[in-house]
Protein backbone atom coordinates (compact mmCIF):
# COMPACT_ATOMS: atom_id res chain seq x y z
CA MET A 1 -22.79 -31.86 45.54
CA PHE A 2 -21.90 -29.04 47.95
CA VAL A 3 -21.88 -25.25 47.78
CA ASP A 4 -19.40 -23.00 49.60
CA THR A 5 -21.41 -19.82 50.08
CA HIS A 6 -18.58 -17.72 51.52
CA LEU A 7 -14.90 -17.70 50.68
CA HIS A 8 -12.18 -15.21 49.82
CA ILE A 9 -10.09 -15.81 46.73
CA SER A 10 -7.31 -13.77 45.15
CA ASP A 11 -3.83 -14.12 43.78
CA ASN A 12 -2.44 -13.31 47.22
CA GLU A 13 -4.14 -15.79 49.56
CA GLY A 14 -1.25 -18.27 49.64
CA ILE A 15 -2.79 -20.75 47.22
CA SER A 16 -3.10 -20.67 43.44
CA PRO A 17 -6.70 -19.89 42.39
CA ASP A 18 -6.46 -22.56 39.67
CA PHE A 19 -5.42 -25.19 42.22
CA TYR A 20 -8.00 -23.92 44.72
CA ILE A 21 -10.87 -24.31 42.26
CA LYS A 22 -9.69 -27.72 41.04
CA HIS A 23 -9.31 -29.01 44.61
CA ALA A 24 -12.84 -27.84 45.45
CA LEU A 25 -14.33 -29.53 42.38
CA ASP A 26 -12.39 -32.72 43.12
CA ASN A 27 -14.08 -32.78 46.54
CA ASN A 28 -17.58 -32.31 45.10
CA VAL A 29 -17.84 -28.64 46.02
CA GLN A 30 -19.35 -27.66 42.70
CA LEU A 31 -20.46 -24.07 43.29
CA LEU A 32 -18.58 -21.33 45.11
CA ILE A 33 -19.51 -17.78 46.10
CA ALA A 34 -16.51 -15.55 46.76
CA SER A 35 -16.80 -12.41 48.87
CA PHE A 36 -15.05 -9.27 47.64
CA CYS A 37 -15.43 -6.57 50.29
CA GLU A 38 -12.79 -3.88 49.76
CA LYS A 39 -12.67 -1.34 46.92
CA GLU A 40 -9.73 -2.94 45.13
CA ASP A 41 -11.14 -6.46 45.51
CA ILE A 42 -14.54 -5.43 44.20
CA LEU A 43 -12.96 -4.16 41.01
CA LEU A 44 -11.28 -7.57 40.56
CA SER A 45 -14.40 -9.62 41.24
CA THR A 46 -15.54 -9.82 37.62
CA LYS A 47 -12.13 -11.12 36.54
CA PHE A 48 -12.46 -14.14 38.79
CA VAL A 49 -16.09 -15.01 38.06
CA GLU A 50 -15.53 -14.74 34.33
CA LYS A 51 -12.54 -17.08 34.49
CA TYR A 52 -14.14 -19.84 36.58
CA GLU A 53 -17.52 -21.21 35.55
CA CYS A 54 -18.33 -22.52 39.03
CA LEU A 55 -17.49 -19.24 40.80
CA TYR A 56 -19.91 -16.44 41.67
CA ALA A 57 -19.37 -13.23 43.60
CA SER A 58 -20.78 -11.29 46.52
CA ILE A 59 -19.56 -7.69 46.60
CA GLY A 60 -19.92 -5.03 49.27
CA TYR A 61 -18.06 -2.79 51.68
CA HIS A 62 -16.96 -4.51 54.89
CA PRO A 63 -17.41 -2.46 58.08
CA GLU A 64 -13.63 -2.40 58.54
CA VAL A 65 -13.33 -0.13 55.48
CA ALA A 66 -16.33 2.05 56.29
CA ASN A 67 -14.25 5.19 56.88
CA ASN A 68 -13.03 5.14 53.27
CA ILE A 69 -16.41 4.82 51.54
CA VAL A 70 -17.81 7.79 49.61
CA GLU A 71 -20.90 8.29 47.45
CA LYS A 72 -19.30 7.20 44.16
CA ASP A 73 -18.44 3.84 45.75
CA TYR A 74 -22.12 3.02 46.15
CA GLU A 75 -22.67 3.95 42.51
CA LEU A 76 -19.91 1.53 41.47
CA LEU A 77 -21.46 -1.22 43.59
CA GLU A 78 -24.88 -0.82 42.06
CA SER A 79 -23.52 -0.57 38.53
CA LEU A 80 -21.53 -3.80 38.85
CA ILE A 81 -24.52 -5.68 40.25
CA ARG A 82 -26.85 -4.44 37.53
CA ASN A 83 -24.41 -5.34 34.75
CA HIS A 84 -22.95 -8.67 35.81
CA PRO A 85 -25.17 -11.76 36.20
CA LYS A 86 -22.57 -13.65 38.25
CA ILE A 87 -22.66 -11.09 41.07
CA VAL A 88 -25.31 -12.69 43.26
CA ALA A 89 -25.29 -10.78 46.57
CA ILE A 90 -24.15 -7.68 48.44
CA GLY A 91 -21.67 -8.55 51.16
CA GLU A 92 -20.10 -9.01 53.36
CA ILE A 93 -21.61 -5.94 54.98
CA GLY A 94 -22.66 -5.10 58.50
CA LEU A 95 -21.25 -3.91 61.80
CA ASP A 96 -18.00 -4.78 63.60
CA TYR A 97 -17.50 -3.23 67.02
CA TYR A 98 -14.70 -5.64 67.95
CA TRP A 99 -11.96 -3.99 65.90
CA ASN A 100 -13.26 -0.44 65.78
CA LYS A 101 -15.60 1.19 68.27
CA ASP A 102 -14.78 4.77 67.26
CA ASN A 103 -16.74 4.97 64.01
CA LYS A 104 -20.02 3.30 64.87
CA GLU A 105 -22.14 5.96 63.17
CA LYS A 106 -20.13 5.72 59.94
CA GLN A 107 -20.45 1.93 59.99
CA ARG A 108 -24.21 2.24 60.42
CA GLN A 109 -24.39 4.71 57.54
CA VAL A 110 -22.43 2.46 55.15
CA PHE A 111 -24.48 -0.56 56.25
CA ARG A 112 -27.79 1.20 55.67
CA LYS A 113 -26.78 2.58 52.25
CA GLN A 114 -25.96 -0.93 51.06
CA LEU A 115 -29.18 -2.35 52.48
CA GLU A 116 -31.04 0.30 50.48
CA ILE A 117 -29.31 -0.90 47.31
CA ALA A 118 -30.14 -4.52 48.14
CA GLU A 119 -33.76 -3.62 48.75
CA ARG A 120 -33.95 -1.67 45.49
CA LEU A 121 -32.34 -4.44 43.43
CA ASP A 122 -33.99 -7.32 45.34
CA ILE A 123 -30.65 -9.06 45.83
CA PRO A 124 -29.55 -11.05 48.91
CA VAL A 125 -27.18 -9.62 51.52
CA VAL A 126 -24.36 -11.39 53.34
CA ILE A 127 -24.12 -10.03 56.86
CA HIS A 128 -21.02 -9.59 59.00
CA SER A 129 -21.76 -8.96 62.67
CA ARG A 130 -19.19 -8.92 65.45
CA ASP A 131 -19.94 -7.62 68.95
CA SER A 132 -23.03 -6.03 67.40
CA ILE A 133 -25.60 -8.76 66.90
CA GLY A 134 -28.51 -7.00 68.58
CA GLU A 135 -28.05 -3.78 66.66
CA THR A 136 -27.47 -5.71 63.43
CA TYR A 137 -30.82 -7.41 63.92
CA GLU A 138 -32.60 -4.13 64.66
CA ILE A 139 -31.26 -2.47 61.51
CA LEU A 140 -32.05 -5.47 59.30
CA SER A 141 -35.60 -5.55 60.62
CA GLU A 142 -36.16 -2.06 59.15
CA TYR A 143 -35.58 -3.28 55.58
CA HIS A 144 -37.21 -5.79 53.24
CA VAL A 145 -34.08 -7.83 52.62
CA HIS A 146 -33.04 -11.45 52.90
CA GLY A 147 -29.75 -13.31 52.86
CA VAL A 148 -27.18 -15.00 55.10
CA ILE A 149 -25.87 -14.23 58.56
CA HIS A 150 -22.24 -15.04 57.82
CA CYS A 151 -20.28 -17.08 60.36
CA PHE A 152 -23.22 -17.14 62.78
CA SER A 153 -22.08 -17.38 66.40
CA GLY A 154 -25.04 -16.05 68.37
CA SER A 155 -27.55 -17.66 70.70
CA LEU A 156 -30.43 -19.94 69.74
CA GLU A 157 -32.80 -17.07 70.49
CA MET A 158 -30.99 -14.79 68.03
CA ALA A 159 -30.79 -17.59 65.47
CA LYS A 160 -34.57 -17.94 65.56
CA LYS A 161 -35.05 -14.17 65.28
CA PHE A 162 -32.87 -13.98 62.16
CA ILE A 163 -34.62 -17.00 60.65
CA ASP A 164 -38.01 -15.39 61.30
CA LEU A 165 -36.68 -12.29 59.53
CA GLY A 166 -36.02 -14.40 56.43
CA PHE A 167 -32.30 -15.11 56.82
CA LEU A 168 -30.29 -18.30 56.58
CA LEU A 169 -27.38 -18.99 58.91
CA GLY A 170 -23.89 -19.49 57.48
CA ILE A 171 -22.21 -22.38 59.31
CA GLY A 172 -18.49 -22.97 58.82
CA GLY A 173 -15.46 -24.54 60.41
CA VAL A 174 -16.22 -23.21 63.90
CA ILE A 175 -18.87 -25.92 64.26
CA THR A 176 -16.05 -28.51 64.36
CA PHE A 177 -14.00 -26.78 67.08
CA LYS A 178 -13.82 -28.69 70.36
CA ASN A 179 -14.61 -25.61 72.47
CA SER A 180 -17.42 -24.33 70.24
CA LYS A 181 -20.96 -24.15 71.63
CA LEU A 182 -22.42 -23.60 68.17
CA TYR A 183 -23.71 -27.18 68.13
CA GLN A 184 -26.32 -26.07 70.69
CA VAL A 185 -27.82 -23.86 67.98
CA VAL A 186 -27.33 -26.21 65.01
CA GLU A 187 -29.06 -29.11 66.73
CA LYS A 188 -32.20 -27.01 67.30
CA ILE A 189 -32.67 -25.25 63.94
CA PRO A 190 -33.97 -26.80 60.71
CA LEU A 191 -31.50 -27.83 58.04
CA GLU A 192 -33.56 -25.66 55.68
CA SER A 193 -32.18 -22.61 57.54
CA ILE A 194 -28.50 -23.47 57.02
CA VAL A 195 -25.98 -22.83 54.27
CA LEU A 196 -22.40 -24.09 54.33
CA GLU A 197 -19.39 -21.79 54.17
CA THR A 198 -15.65 -21.85 54.80
CA ASP A 199 -14.63 -18.17 55.09
CA SER A 200 -11.49 -19.47 53.38
CA PRO A 201 -8.58 -18.90 53.91
CA TYR A 202 -9.65 -18.49 57.56
CA LEU A 203 -11.26 -20.81 60.13
CA SER A 204 -10.16 -24.21 58.87
CA PRO A 205 -12.25 -27.02 60.36
CA GLU A 206 -10.90 -29.85 62.44
CA PRO A 207 -8.78 -31.84 61.72
CA LYS A 208 -7.16 -29.17 59.50
CA ARG A 209 -7.29 -26.33 61.99
CA GLY A 210 -4.22 -24.10 61.77
CA ARG A 211 -3.78 -24.61 58.03
CA VAL A 212 -4.97 -22.44 55.15
CA ASN A 213 -8.66 -23.14 54.71
CA GLU A 214 -10.13 -24.15 51.34
CA SER A 215 -13.56 -24.76 49.85
CA SER A 216 -12.52 -28.42 49.56
CA ASN A 217 -13.08 -28.64 53.35
CA ILE A 218 -16.83 -28.09 53.04
CA PRO A 219 -17.57 -31.85 53.35
CA LEU A 220 -15.92 -31.83 56.81
CA ILE A 221 -18.30 -29.10 57.95
CA ALA A 222 -21.26 -30.93 56.43
CA ALA A 223 -20.27 -34.17 58.16
CA LYS A 224 -20.23 -32.45 61.55
CA ILE A 225 -23.69 -30.98 60.95
CA ALA A 226 -24.95 -34.41 59.88
CA SER A 227 -23.64 -35.88 63.13
CA ILE A 228 -25.22 -33.12 65.26
CA GLN A 229 -28.61 -33.40 63.55
CA ASN A 230 -28.46 -37.20 63.25
CA VAL A 231 -29.10 -37.17 59.52
CA SER A 232 -27.11 -38.50 56.58
CA LEU A 233 -24.32 -36.55 54.92
CA LYS A 234 -26.26 -36.90 51.68
CA LYS A 235 -29.24 -35.09 53.20
CA VAL A 236 -27.07 -32.24 54.47
CA ALA A 237 -25.54 -31.90 51.00
CA GLU A 238 -28.91 -31.94 49.24
CA VAL A 239 -30.74 -29.53 51.56
CA THR A 240 -27.96 -26.98 52.03
CA THR A 241 -27.19 -27.00 48.31
CA GLU A 242 -30.85 -26.35 47.48
CA ASN A 243 -30.91 -23.59 50.11
CA ALA A 244 -27.95 -21.85 48.50
CA ILE A 245 -29.13 -22.29 44.91
CA THR A 246 -32.54 -20.87 45.79
CA LEU A 247 -31.32 -17.97 47.91
CA PHE A 248 -28.77 -16.76 45.37
CA ASP A 249 -30.97 -17.58 42.35
CA LEU A 250 -28.16 -19.66 40.86
CA ARG A 251 -30.37 -21.68 38.51
CA ASN A 252 -31.08 -18.53 36.52
CA ARG A 253 -27.41 -17.51 36.52
CA MET A 254 -25.70 -20.72 35.41
């Protein structure tokens, strides 16, 4: 059994949600955590998790929408988390200085407000960090939070720092890319610090690169990790599944 800890699902992603879920289950991806990170998506999150037994949600305001976030949006976020057992994390949240360098202070403010909610509710966070990994680490170190560094692409040194802070690393299709150096990190960190993710519909793994990504591709990512760490695919499945179930407290939410 596998878990996809980070995907995006909607009625507009180019693939029927019903087919998407069935295809995942047919490929032994038995639990899925979808990220809803814009205002409109967050309001739809409960619809999806109530329809599909295997689907859970992470909700939060992505740094790309930081300029549009006001106080009542934080109240909505906290209310949904408190009242819906299948919302298991806040995310993806963080800093993105690749697309927008003009609103850094607003991004920091939105990031911190959501970390405060996570700390108060003792719920994991799913972290987005692009061109901002050092500052992301410094801010996270100020809070008593835990979670996943989504789509980790940093150095081994940064990987160890995040792990020491209590975070797991989200490893997805990038690990299979021919030009990726991520294997240099994955081969040196314990399997107990890894969760699997697709970031579907983006970042399809080889040999499906260039196509719409799906949770059904998780076994391809797991197989690459197994090869890098010289362990069995079964072990990767067992350990990463246990990591995800424990982190997101899924046993108590099923």
